[in-house]
Amino acid sequence: MLTLHTAPLLLPPGAGPLPDGAVLVQGEAVLAVGPRADLAAAHPGARTRAWPGLLTTGLTHARVVPLLEAAYHPDPREYDQLGETPLTGDALARLAPDRTRHSGSARRGVQRLLRHGVTRVAGPVTDPAVRSALARAGVTVVGPLPAPGDREPSFDPFAGGHDALSGAPLAPGVRADLAAFDVPDAAALRDGGAAACVATVLAGRLVHRAR
């Protein structure tokens, strides 16, 4: 199955922005990158997914370990009792989640990362439940990255000034990890944060789509 992901602006890391660009995906991998009109003409049978704003590789999160290993992400059924924000510190200690609740928290945390366009996270990840949740989702774990250490961890990978766009290349043959954001350019994405994510693709699979 060929899928053509298009956007008004394609932002390949390390290269110049491409207006009206597209990424052609076959299975788990990128087959071609280029102008939408050229790829659409060369592959008329490809399914097209047209996204607003800009399309780029999935973002890299530099501080996922404290976010997933040292916080509890409530289940929606617990919102009335626990609220919607992650529990850390004394609140986490009072809750003292067992293994089952901790595993569920890790899975929910990973889903929130995907809703922010994150497809790569910095390790090392030592917690078995977190490692399992990342692996099952297909999120890539890379080596440690420089990150501000004096800020509360956030699902937004741009928090604290981290350049989350400095990720994997966007070229034929690489794994098709993509993210689309309803913003006009990279500056707006960095300034406004990754909450503008409208779609996340992991290994060619659409794992998040904003409603």
N, C-alpha and C. Protein backbone atom coordinates (compact mmCIF):
# COMPACT_ATOMS: atom_id res chain seq x y z
N MET A 1 0.84 -1.19 0.00
CA MET A 1 0.00 0.00 0.00
C MET A 1 0.88 1.24 0.00
N LEU A 2 0.67 2.11 -0.97
CA LEU A 2 1.38 3.38 -1.04
C LEU A 2 0.50 4.48 -0.43
N THR A 3 1.09 5.28 0.43
CA THR A 3 0.38 6.41 1.02
C THR A 3 1.19 7.67 0.80
N LEU A 4 0.54 8.70 0.29
CA LEU A 4 1.18 9.98 0.04
C LEU A 4 0.71 10.97 1.11
N HIS A 5 1.64 11.34 2.00
CA HIS A 5 1.35 12.32 3.04
C HIS A 5 1.77 13.70 2.51
N THR A 6 0.83 14.64 2.49
CA THR A 6 1.11 15.96 1.93
C THR A 6 0.79 17.05 2.94
N ALA A 7 1.40 18.22 2.73
CA ALA A 7 1.13 19.39 3.57
C ALA A 7 1.55 20.64 2.82
N PRO A 8 0.99 21.78 3.18
CA PRO A 8 1.42 23.04 2.54
C PRO A 8 2.91 23.31 2.69
N LEU A 9 3.53 22.77 3.77
CA LEU A 9 4.97 22.95 3.97
C LEU A 9 5.58 21.65 4.48
N LEU A 10 6.58 21.16 3.76
CA LEU A 10 7.34 19.99 4.19
C LEU A 10 8.65 20.47 4.79
N LEU A 11 8.98 19.96 5.98
CA LEU A 11 10.16 20.43 6.70
C LEU A 11 11.11 19.26 6.95
N PRO A 12 11.97 18.93 5.99
CA PRO A 12 12.93 17.84 6.21
C PRO A 12 14.08 18.33 7.09
N PRO A 13 14.41 17.64 8.18
CA PRO A 13 15.53 18.08 9.02
C PRO A 13 16.83 18.18 8.21
N GLY A 14 17.54 19.27 8.41
CA GLY A 14 18.80 19.45 7.73
C GLY A 14 18.69 19.94 6.31
N ALA A 15 17.48 20.20 5.84
CA ALA A 15 17.28 20.69 4.48
C ALA A 15 16.31 21.87 4.51
N GLY A 16 16.22 22.57 3.39
CA GLY A 16 15.33 23.71 3.33
C GLY A 16 13.87 23.31 3.27
N PRO A 17 12.98 24.17 3.75
CA PRO A 17 11.54 23.88 3.67
C PRO A 17 11.10 23.72 2.22
N LEU A 18 10.14 22.83 2.00
CA LEU A 18 9.61 22.57 0.66
C LEU A 18 8.12 22.88 0.64
N PRO A 19 7.72 23.99 0.04
CA PRO A 19 6.28 24.28 -0.06
C PRO A 19 5.56 23.22 -0.88
N ASP A 20 4.34 22.90 -0.45
CA ASP A 20 3.51 21.91 -1.13
C ASP A 20 4.29 20.61 -1.34
N GLY A 21 4.88 20.14 -0.25
CA GLY A 21 5.71 18.94 -0.31
C GLY A 21 4.94 17.69 0.07
N ALA A 22 5.60 16.56 -0.10
CA ALA A 22 4.95 15.28 0.19
C ALA A 22 5.98 14.22 0.53
N VAL A 23 5.52 13.22 1.27
CA VAL A 23 6.33 12.05 1.60
C VAL A 23 5.54 10.82 1.16
N LEU A 24 6.14 10.02 0.30
CA LEU A 24 5.51 8.79 -0.16
C LEU A 24 5.99 7.64 0.71
N VAL A 25 5.05 6.92 1.30
CA VAL A 25 5.36 5.84 2.23
C VAL A 25 4.87 4.52 1.66
N GLN A 26 5.74 3.52 1.74
CA GLN A 26 5.37 2.15 1.37
C GLN A 26 5.67 1.24 2.55
N GLY A 27 4.64 0.64 3.13
CA GLY A 27 4.83 -0.18 4.31
C GLY A 27 5.35 0.64 5.46
N GLU A 28 6.51 0.25 5.98
CA GLU A 28 7.10 0.93 7.13
C GLU A 28 8.10 2.01 6.75
N ALA A 29 8.40 2.16 5.47
CA ALA A 29 9.52 3.01 5.08
C ALA A 29 9.11 4.14 4.14
N VAL A 30 9.93 5.17 4.14
CA VAL A 30 9.78 6.27 3.19
C VAL A 30 10.29 5.81 1.83
N LEU A 31 9.47 5.99 0.81
CA LEU A 31 9.85 5.61 -0.55
C LEU A 31 10.41 6.81 -1.32
N ALA A 32 9.82 7.99 -1.11
CA ALA A 32 10.27 9.18 -1.83
C ALA A 32 9.85 10.42 -1.08
N VAL A 33 10.59 11.49 -1.29
CA VAL A 33 10.30 12.80 -0.71
C VAL A 33 10.43 13.83 -1.83
N GLY A 34 9.45 14.74 -1.94
CA GLY A 34 9.56 15.74 -2.99
C GLY A 34 8.30 16.57 -3.14
N PRO A 35 8.19 17.31 -4.24
CA PRO A 35 7.00 18.12 -4.48
C PRO A 35 5.76 17.23 -4.61
N ARG A 36 4.67 17.67 -4.03
CA ARG A 36 3.43 16.88 -4.05
C ARG A 36 2.99 16.56 -5.48
N ALA A 37 3.02 17.55 -6.35
CA ALA A 37 2.53 17.33 -7.71
C ALA A 37 3.33 16.25 -8.43
N ASP A 38 4.65 16.25 -8.24
CA ASP A 38 5.50 15.26 -8.92
C ASP A 38 5.22 13.86 -8.40
N LEU A 39 5.15 13.69 -7.06
CA LEU A 39 4.93 12.37 -6.50
C LEU A 39 3.52 11.86 -6.81
N ALA A 40 2.53 12.74 -6.79
CA ALA A 40 1.17 12.33 -7.11
C ALA A 40 1.06 11.89 -8.56
N ALA A 41 1.74 12.59 -9.46
CA ALA A 41 1.70 12.22 -10.87
C ALA A 41 2.41 10.89 -11.12
N ALA A 42 3.50 10.65 -10.39
CA ALA A 42 4.26 9.41 -10.59
C ALA A 42 3.59 8.20 -9.95
N HIS A 43 2.73 8.45 -8.96
CA HIS A 43 2.08 7.34 -8.25
C HIS A 43 0.58 7.64 -8.11
N PRO A 44 -0.16 7.59 -9.21
CA PRO A 44 -1.57 7.99 -9.18
C PRO A 44 -2.45 7.08 -8.32
N GLY A 45 -1.98 5.88 -8.05
CA GLY A 45 -2.78 4.96 -7.24
C GLY A 45 -2.56 5.07 -5.75
N ALA A 46 -1.67 5.96 -5.33
CA ALA A 46 -1.37 6.08 -3.90
C ALA A 46 -2.53 6.73 -3.16
N ARG A 47 -2.79 6.24 -1.97
CA ARG A 47 -3.77 6.88 -1.10
C ARG A 47 -3.17 8.18 -0.57
N THR A 48 -3.94 9.24 -0.59
CA THR A 48 -3.44 10.54 -0.15
C THR A 48 -4.01 10.92 1.20
N ARG A 49 -3.11 11.34 2.09
CA ARG A 49 -3.52 11.94 3.36
C ARG A 49 -3.00 13.38 3.36
N ALA A 50 -3.91 14.32 3.22
CA ALA A 50 -3.54 15.73 3.15
C ALA A 50 -3.69 16.36 4.53
N TRP A 51 -2.57 16.88 5.07
CA TRP A 51 -2.56 17.47 6.40
C TRP A 51 -2.43 18.99 6.29
N PRO A 52 -2.99 19.72 7.23
CA PRO A 52 -2.80 21.17 7.25
C PRO A 52 -1.43 21.53 7.80
N GLY A 53 -1.01 22.76 7.57
CA GLY A 53 0.21 23.26 8.22
C GLY A 53 1.48 22.67 7.66
N LEU A 54 2.28 22.06 8.54
CA LEU A 54 3.57 21.53 8.10
C LEU A 54 3.70 20.05 8.47
N LEU A 55 4.51 19.36 7.67
CA LEU A 55 4.80 17.94 7.86
C LEU A 55 6.30 17.79 8.03
N THR A 56 6.71 17.00 9.01
CA THR A 56 8.13 16.79 9.26
C THR A 56 8.33 15.39 9.84
N THR A 57 9.57 15.06 10.17
CA THR A 57 9.80 13.80 10.87
C THR A 57 9.24 13.92 12.29
N GLY A 58 8.99 12.76 12.91
CA GLY A 58 8.51 12.78 14.28
C GLY A 58 9.49 13.49 15.20
N LEU A 59 8.97 14.09 16.24
CA LEU A 59 9.80 14.87 17.16
C LEU A 59 10.57 13.98 18.12
N THR A 60 11.64 14.53 18.67
CA THR A 60 12.46 13.84 19.66
C THR A 60 12.26 14.49 21.02
N HIS A 61 11.92 13.68 22.02
CA HIS A 61 11.70 14.19 23.39
C HIS A 61 12.92 13.87 24.23
N ALA A 62 13.53 14.90 24.84
CA ALA A 62 14.78 14.73 25.57
C ALA A 62 14.59 14.38 27.04
N ARG A 63 13.36 14.56 27.59
CA ARG A 63 13.19 14.35 29.03
C ARG A 63 12.01 13.42 29.34
N VAL A 64 11.93 12.34 28.62
CA VAL A 64 10.79 11.46 28.79
C VAL A 64 10.91 10.59 30.04
N VAL A 65 12.11 10.34 30.51
CA VAL A 65 12.28 9.43 31.64
C VAL A 65 11.57 9.94 32.89
N PRO A 66 11.82 11.18 33.36
CA PRO A 66 11.06 11.63 34.54
C PRO A 66 9.57 11.76 34.27
N LEU A 67 9.22 12.03 33.03
CA LEU A 67 7.81 12.20 32.68
C LEU A 67 7.04 10.89 32.79
N LEU A 68 7.67 9.79 32.44
CA LEU A 68 6.99 8.50 32.45
C LEU A 68 7.34 7.63 33.66
N GLU A 69 8.56 7.73 34.14
CA GLU A 69 8.98 6.85 35.23
C GLU A 69 8.66 7.43 36.60
N ALA A 70 8.58 8.76 36.70
CA ALA A 70 8.40 9.39 38.02
C ALA A 70 7.11 10.19 38.09
N ALA A 71 6.09 9.76 37.36
CA ALA A 71 4.79 10.42 37.39
C ALA A 71 3.70 9.39 37.14
N TYR A 72 2.53 9.66 37.68
CA TYR A 72 1.37 8.81 37.42
C TYR A 72 0.37 9.59 36.58
N HIS A 73 -0.03 9.00 35.45
CA HIS A 73 -0.95 9.64 34.52
C HIS A 73 -2.33 9.02 34.72
N PRO A 74 -3.24 9.76 35.34
CA PRO A 74 -4.54 9.17 35.71
C PRO A 74 -5.32 8.65 34.51
N ASP A 75 -6.04 7.59 34.76
CA ASP A 75 -7.01 7.08 33.81
C ASP A 75 -8.19 8.06 33.77
N PRO A 76 -8.81 8.28 32.60
CA PRO A 76 -9.97 9.18 32.57
C PRO A 76 -11.04 8.84 33.60
N ARG A 77 -11.15 7.55 33.96
CA ARG A 77 -12.15 7.16 34.96
C ARG A 77 -11.74 7.62 36.36
N GLU A 78 -10.48 8.07 36.51
CA GLU A 78 -10.00 8.55 37.81
C GLU A 78 -9.98 10.07 37.92
N TYR A 79 -10.39 10.75 36.86
CA TYR A 79 -10.28 12.21 36.85
C TYR A 79 -11.05 12.86 38.00
N ASP A 80 -12.23 12.35 38.31
CA ASP A 80 -13.02 12.95 39.39
C ASP A 80 -12.28 12.89 40.72
N GLN A 81 -11.52 11.83 40.90
CA GLN A 81 -10.82 11.62 42.17
C GLN A 81 -9.40 12.23 42.17
N LEU A 82 -8.69 12.05 41.05
CA LEU A 82 -7.28 12.42 41.01
C LEU A 82 -6.98 13.65 40.16
N GLY A 83 -7.93 14.08 39.34
CA GLY A 83 -7.66 15.17 38.42
C GLY A 83 -7.04 14.65 37.13
N GLU A 84 -6.77 15.55 36.21
CA GLU A 84 -6.27 15.15 34.90
C GLU A 84 -4.76 15.31 34.76
N THR A 85 -4.12 16.06 35.64
CA THR A 85 -2.68 16.31 35.50
C THR A 85 -1.87 15.19 36.15
N PRO A 86 -0.67 14.94 35.63
CA PRO A 86 0.17 13.88 36.21
C PRO A 86 0.46 14.12 37.68
N LEU A 87 0.51 13.04 38.45
CA LEU A 87 0.85 13.11 39.87
C LEU A 87 2.34 12.83 40.05
N THR A 88 3.02 13.70 40.78
CA THR A 88 4.44 13.52 41.04
C THR A 88 4.71 13.79 42.53
N GLY A 89 5.93 13.56 42.95
CA GLY A 89 6.35 13.91 44.30
C GLY A 89 5.49 13.30 45.38
N ASP A 90 5.03 14.13 46.33
CA ASP A 90 4.26 13.64 47.47
C ASP A 90 2.93 13.03 47.03
N ALA A 91 2.30 13.63 46.01
CA ALA A 91 1.01 13.09 45.54
C ALA A 91 1.21 11.68 44.98
N LEU A 92 2.30 11.46 44.27
CA LEU A 92 2.58 10.13 43.75
C LEU A 92 2.88 9.16 44.88
N ALA A 93 3.63 9.62 45.87
CA ALA A 93 3.96 8.75 47.01
C ALA A 93 2.71 8.35 47.77
N ARG A 94 1.76 9.27 47.93
CA ARG A 94 0.52 8.93 48.63
C ARG A 94 -0.31 7.93 47.83
N LEU A 95 -0.32 8.08 46.53
CA LEU A 95 -1.09 7.15 45.70
C LEU A 95 -0.47 5.76 45.72
N ALA A 96 0.86 5.70 45.66
CA ALA A 96 1.60 4.44 45.68
C ALA A 96 1.00 3.41 44.72
N PRO A 97 0.99 3.71 43.41
CA PRO A 97 0.35 2.79 42.45
C PRO A 97 1.05 1.44 42.40
N ASP A 98 0.25 0.39 42.30
CA ASP A 98 0.83 -0.94 42.17
C ASP A 98 1.31 -1.15 40.73
N ARG A 99 1.81 -2.35 40.44
CA ARG A 99 2.40 -2.61 39.13
C ARG A 99 1.38 -2.43 38.01
N THR A 100 0.15 -2.87 38.23
CA THR A 100 -0.87 -2.77 37.20
C THR A 100 -1.19 -1.31 36.88
N ARG A 101 -1.36 -0.50 37.93
CA ARG A 101 -1.67 0.92 37.71
C ARG A 101 -0.47 1.64 37.09
N HIS A 102 0.73 1.27 37.49
CA HIS A 102 1.92 1.90 36.92
C HIS A 102 2.05 1.58 35.43
N SER A 103 1.77 0.35 35.05
CA SER A 103 1.84 -0.04 33.64
C SER A 103 0.81 0.72 32.83
N GLY A 104 -0.41 0.85 33.37
CA GLY A 104 -1.44 1.62 32.68
C GLY A 104 -1.05 3.07 32.54
N SER A 105 -0.42 3.63 33.58
CA SER A 105 0.05 5.01 33.52
C SER A 105 1.08 5.18 32.42
N ALA A 106 2.01 4.25 32.31
CA ALA A 106 3.04 4.34 31.27
C ALA A 106 2.41 4.32 29.88
N ARG A 107 1.45 3.46 29.67
CA ARG A 107 0.79 3.40 28.35
C ARG A 107 0.07 4.70 28.04
N ARG A 108 -0.61 5.27 29.03
CA ARG A 108 -1.32 6.54 28.79
C ARG A 108 -0.33 7.67 28.53
N GLY A 109 0.79 7.64 29.24
CA GLY A 109 1.81 8.66 29.01
C GLY A 109 2.37 8.59 27.59
N VAL A 110 2.61 7.39 27.10
CA VAL A 110 3.11 7.23 25.73
C VAL A 110 2.08 7.72 24.73
N GLN A 111 0.81 7.45 24.97
CA GLN A 111 -0.23 7.95 24.06
C GLN A 111 -0.24 9.48 24.03
N ARG A 112 -0.01 10.11 25.15
CA ARG A 112 0.05 11.58 25.17
C ARG A 112 1.27 12.09 24.40
N LEU A 113 2.37 11.36 24.47
CA LEU A 113 3.53 11.73 23.66
C LEU A 113 3.19 11.68 22.17
N LEU A 114 2.50 10.63 21.76
CA LEU A 114 2.12 10.50 20.36
C LEU A 114 1.21 11.65 19.93
N ARG A 115 0.37 12.11 20.84
CA ARG A 115 -0.50 13.24 20.51
C ARG A 115 0.28 14.55 20.38
N HIS A 116 1.54 14.54 20.77
CA HIS A 116 2.41 15.70 20.60
C HIS A 116 3.42 15.48 19.47
N GLY A 117 3.21 14.46 18.66
CA GLY A 117 4.08 14.22 17.51
C GLY A 117 5.41 13.59 17.84
N VAL A 118 5.57 13.03 19.03
CA VAL A 118 6.84 12.44 19.46
C VAL A 118 6.95 11.00 18.95
N THR A 119 8.06 10.70 18.26
CA THR A 119 8.31 9.34 17.80
C THR A 119 9.66 8.80 18.28
N ARG A 120 10.47 9.66 18.88
CA ARG A 120 11.78 9.28 19.41
C ARG A 120 11.94 9.89 20.80
N VAL A 121 12.53 9.13 21.72
CA VAL A 121 12.77 9.64 23.06
C VAL A 121 14.19 9.32 23.48
N ALA A 122 14.73 10.17 24.33
CA ALA A 122 16.09 9.98 24.82
C ALA A 122 16.08 9.04 26.02
N GLY A 123 17.01 8.11 26.04
CA GLY A 123 17.14 7.19 27.16
C GLY A 123 18.25 7.67 28.10
N PRO A 124 18.73 6.78 28.94
CA PRO A 124 18.30 5.39 29.04
C PRO A 124 16.97 5.26 29.79
N VAL A 125 16.17 4.28 29.37
CA VAL A 125 14.90 3.97 30.02
C VAL A 125 15.10 2.68 30.80
N THR A 126 14.98 2.75 32.13
CA THR A 126 15.27 1.59 32.97
C THR A 126 14.02 0.90 33.50
N ASP A 127 12.90 1.63 33.56
CA ASP A 127 11.68 1.06 34.12
C ASP A 127 11.07 0.06 33.14
N PRO A 128 10.86 -1.19 33.54
CA PRO A 128 10.34 -2.20 32.61
C PRO A 128 8.98 -1.84 32.02
N ALA A 129 8.09 -1.25 32.82
CA ALA A 129 6.77 -0.90 32.31
C ALA A 129 6.86 0.19 31.25
N VAL A 130 7.76 1.14 31.46
CA VAL A 130 7.94 2.22 30.49
C VAL A 130 8.60 1.68 29.22
N ARG A 131 9.61 0.83 29.38
CA ARG A 131 10.25 0.23 28.20
C ARG A 131 9.23 -0.54 27.38
N SER A 132 8.39 -1.29 28.06
CA SER A 132 7.37 -2.09 27.36
C SER A 132 6.38 -1.20 26.63
N ALA A 133 5.92 -0.13 27.28
CA ALA A 133 4.94 0.76 26.65
C ALA A 133 5.53 1.43 25.42
N LEU A 134 6.78 1.87 25.49
CA LEU A 134 7.43 2.49 24.34
C LEU A 134 7.61 1.50 23.21
N ALA A 135 8.05 0.28 23.56
CA ALA A 135 8.29 -0.73 22.53
C ALA A 135 6.99 -1.15 21.85
N ARG A 136 5.93 -1.33 22.61
CA ARG A 136 4.66 -1.74 22.02
C ARG A 136 4.11 -0.67 21.10
N ALA A 137 4.35 0.59 21.42
CA ALA A 137 3.87 1.67 20.56
C ALA A 137 4.75 1.84 19.32
N GLY A 138 6.00 1.40 19.41
CA GLY A 138 6.92 1.56 18.30
C GLY A 138 7.78 2.80 18.39
N VAL A 139 7.79 3.45 19.56
CA VAL A 139 8.61 4.65 19.75
C VAL A 139 10.08 4.25 19.88
N THR A 140 10.96 4.95 19.16
CA THR A 140 12.39 4.66 19.18
C THR A 140 13.05 5.31 20.39
N VAL A 141 13.92 4.56 21.07
CA VAL A 141 14.70 5.09 22.18
C VAL A 141 16.12 5.33 21.69
N VAL A 142 16.60 6.57 21.84
CA VAL A 142 17.95 6.92 21.42
C VAL A 142 18.79 7.22 22.66
N GLY A 143 20.05 7.56 22.46
CA GLY A 143 20.93 7.85 23.58
C GLY A 143 20.56 9.14 24.29
N PRO A 144 21.21 9.41 25.42
CA PRO A 144 20.92 10.64 26.18
C PRO A 144 21.15 11.89 25.33
N LEU A 145 20.31 12.90 25.57
CA LEU A 145 20.42 14.18 24.88
C LEU A 145 20.49 15.31 25.89
N PRO A 146 21.17 16.40 25.57
CA PRO A 146 21.18 17.55 26.48
C PRO A 146 19.75 18.06 26.67
N ALA A 147 19.39 18.34 27.91
CA ALA A 147 18.04 18.83 28.20
C ALA A 147 18.09 19.69 29.45
N PRO A 148 17.26 20.73 29.51
CA PRO A 148 17.22 21.57 30.71
C PRO A 148 16.75 20.74 31.91
N GLY A 149 17.50 20.80 33.00
CA GLY A 149 17.17 19.97 34.14
C GLY A 149 16.40 20.66 35.24
N ASP A 150 16.14 21.95 35.09
CA ASP A 150 15.52 22.70 36.17
C ASP A 150 14.06 23.01 35.90
N ARG A 151 13.45 22.36 34.92
CA ARG A 151 12.06 22.60 34.58
C ARG A 151 11.23 21.36 34.87
N GLU A 152 9.96 21.59 35.18
CA GLU A 152 9.03 20.47 35.34
C GLU A 152 8.88 19.76 34.00
N PRO A 153 9.03 18.44 33.96
CA PRO A 153 8.89 17.72 32.69
C PRO A 153 7.54 18.00 32.04
N SER A 154 7.55 18.10 30.73
CA SER A 154 6.35 18.43 29.97
C SER A 154 6.22 17.48 28.79
N PHE A 155 4.98 17.23 28.36
CA PHE A 155 4.78 16.42 27.17
C PHE A 155 5.23 17.17 25.92
N ASP A 156 5.29 18.49 25.99
CA ASP A 156 5.75 19.27 24.85
C ASP A 156 7.26 19.14 24.73
N PRO A 157 7.77 18.50 23.68
CA PRO A 157 9.22 18.29 23.59
C PRO A 157 10.01 19.57 23.36
N PHE A 158 9.34 20.68 23.05
CA PHE A 158 10.02 21.96 22.88
C PHE A 158 10.20 22.71 24.21
N ALA A 159 9.58 22.23 25.27
CA ALA A 159 9.65 22.91 26.56
C ALA A 159 11.11 23.06 27.01
N GLY A 160 11.44 24.24 27.50
CA GLY A 160 12.79 24.49 27.97
C GLY A 160 13.77 24.83 26.87
N GLY A 161 13.26 24.98 25.64
CA GLY A 161 14.14 25.38 24.55
C GLY A 161 14.79 24.24 23.80
N HIS A 162 14.42 22.98 24.09
CA HIS A 162 15.00 21.86 23.36
C HIS A 162 14.56 21.89 21.90
N ASP A 163 15.49 21.64 20.98
CA ASP A 163 15.16 21.62 19.55
C ASP A 163 14.68 20.23 19.18
N ALA A 164 13.41 19.99 19.38
CA ALA A 164 12.83 18.67 19.13
C ALA A 164 12.81 18.30 17.66
N LEU A 165 13.04 19.28 16.77
CA LEU A 165 13.06 19.00 15.34
C LEU A 165 14.37 18.35 14.90
N SER A 166 15.38 18.35 15.76
CA SER A 166 16.68 17.78 15.38
C SER A 166 16.62 16.26 15.56
N GLY A 167 15.90 15.61 14.67
CA GLY A 167 15.70 14.17 14.79
C GLY A 167 16.27 13.41 13.61
N ALA A 168 15.58 12.34 13.24
CA ALA A 168 16.05 11.47 12.16
C ALA A 168 15.89 12.17 10.82
N PRO A 169 16.71 11.79 9.83
CA PRO A 169 16.58 12.38 8.50
C PRO A 169 15.28 11.94 7.82
N LEU A 170 14.87 12.71 6.84
CA LEU A 170 13.69 12.37 6.06
C LEU A 170 14.17 12.10 4.64
N ALA A 171 14.36 10.82 4.34
CA ALA A 171 14.94 10.42 3.06
C ALA A 171 14.45 9.02 2.70
N PRO A 172 14.51 8.65 1.43
CA PRO A 172 14.10 7.31 1.03
C PRO A 172 14.85 6.23 1.81
N GLY A 173 14.11 5.23 2.26
CA GLY A 173 14.70 4.10 2.96
C GLY A 173 14.62 4.17 4.47
N VAL A 174 14.41 5.36 5.04
CA VAL A 174 14.32 5.45 6.50
C VAL A 174 12.92 5.04 6.96
N ARG A 175 12.82 4.71 8.23
CA ARG A 175 11.51 4.36 8.78
C ARG A 175 10.58 5.56 8.68
N ALA A 176 9.34 5.30 8.33
CA ALA A 176 8.37 6.38 8.11
C ALA A 176 7.78 6.83 9.43
N ASP A 177 8.52 7.68 10.13
CA ASP A 177 8.06 8.31 11.36
C ASP A 177 7.82 9.79 11.05
N LEU A 178 6.57 10.20 11.05
CA LEU A 178 6.20 11.55 10.61
C LEU A 178 5.28 12.20 11.62
N ALA A 179 5.21 13.52 11.56
CA ALA A 179 4.26 14.26 12.38
C ALA A 179 3.81 15.49 11.61
N ALA A 180 2.53 15.81 11.71
CA ALA A 180 1.96 16.99 11.05
C ALA A 180 1.41 17.92 12.12
N PHE A 181 1.61 19.22 11.89
CA PHE A 181 1.21 20.24 12.86
C PHE A 181 0.47 21.36 12.14
N ASP A 182 -0.61 21.82 12.75
CA ASP A 182 -1.42 22.87 12.13
C ASP A 182 -0.83 24.24 12.48
N VAL A 183 0.37 24.48 11.98
CA VAL A 183 1.07 25.76 12.15
C VAL A 183 1.71 26.10 10.81
N PRO A 184 2.02 27.39 10.57
CA PRO A 184 2.51 27.77 9.24
C PRO A 184 3.97 27.47 8.98
N ASP A 185 4.81 27.41 10.04
CA ASP A 185 6.24 27.21 9.81
C ASP A 185 6.92 26.71 11.08
N ALA A 186 8.23 26.46 10.98
CA ALA A 186 8.97 25.90 12.11
C ALA A 186 9.02 26.87 13.28
N ALA A 187 9.13 28.17 13.02
CA ALA A 187 9.17 29.14 14.11
C ALA A 187 7.89 29.11 14.92
N ALA A 188 6.75 29.01 14.25
CA ALA A 188 5.47 28.94 14.95
C ALA A 188 5.36 27.65 15.75
N LEU A 189 5.92 26.57 15.24
CA LEU A 189 5.89 25.30 15.97
C LEU A 189 6.73 25.39 17.24
N ARG A 190 7.94 25.94 17.11
CA ARG A 190 8.80 26.07 18.29
C ARG A 190 8.19 27.01 19.33
N ASP A 191 7.59 28.11 18.85
CA ASP A 191 7.02 29.09 19.77
C ASP A 191 5.75 28.59 20.44
N GLY A 192 4.90 27.94 19.67
CA GLY A 192 3.59 27.52 20.18
C GLY A 192 3.56 26.15 20.80
N GLY A 193 4.59 25.33 20.52
CA GLY A 193 4.64 24.00 21.10
C GLY A 193 3.94 22.96 20.25
N ALA A 194 4.14 21.70 20.65
CA ALA A 194 3.70 20.57 19.85
C ALA A 194 2.25 20.19 20.07
N ALA A 195 1.52 20.94 20.89
CA ALA A 195 0.09 20.64 21.07
C ALA A 195 -0.70 20.84 19.79
N ALA A 196 -0.09 21.50 18.78
CA ALA A 196 -0.75 21.71 17.50
C ALA A 196 -0.68 20.48 16.60
N CYS A 197 -0.20 19.36 17.14
CA CYS A 197 -0.07 18.13 16.34
C CYS A 197 -1.45 17.65 15.87
N VAL A 198 -1.56 17.37 14.58
CA VAL A 198 -2.82 16.84 14.02
C VAL A 198 -2.68 15.38 13.59
N ALA A 199 -1.44 14.90 13.47
CA ALA A 199 -1.26 13.50 13.06
C ALA A 199 0.14 13.04 13.41
N THR A 200 0.26 11.78 13.82
CA THR A 200 1.54 11.15 14.07
C THR A 200 1.56 9.79 13.37
N VAL A 201 2.64 9.54 12.66
CA VAL A 201 2.82 8.28 11.92
C VAL A 201 4.05 7.58 12.47
N LEU A 202 3.90 6.32 12.84
CA LEU A 202 5.01 5.51 13.34
C LEU A 202 5.18 4.30 12.43
N ALA A 203 6.35 4.20 11.81
CA ALA A 203 6.63 3.07 10.92
C ALA A 203 5.51 2.87 9.90
N GLY A 204 5.02 3.99 9.37
CA GLY A 204 3.98 3.95 8.36
C GLY A 204 2.57 3.84 8.88
N ARG A 205 2.40 3.65 10.19
CA ARG A 205 1.07 3.49 10.78
C ARG A 205 0.60 4.83 11.34
N LEU A 206 -0.63 5.19 11.04
CA LEU A 206 -1.22 6.40 11.62
C LEU A 206 -1.66 6.08 13.04
N VAL A 207 -0.90 6.58 14.03
CA VAL A 207 -1.17 6.23 15.43
C VAL A 207 -1.88 7.35 16.18
N HIS A 208 -1.92 8.53 15.60
CA HIS A 208 -2.68 9.64 16.19
C HIS A 208 -3.22 10.51 15.09
N ARG A 209 -4.50 10.88 15.24
CA ARG A 209 -5.13 11.83 14.32
C ARG A 209 -6.07 12.70 15.14
N ALA A 210 -5.84 14.01 15.10
CA ALA A 210 -6.67 14.93 15.88
C ALA A 210 -8.09 14.91 15.34
N ARG A 211 -9.05 15.01 16.25
CA ARG A 211 -10.44 15.01 15.84
C ARG A 211 -10.91 16.44 15.57
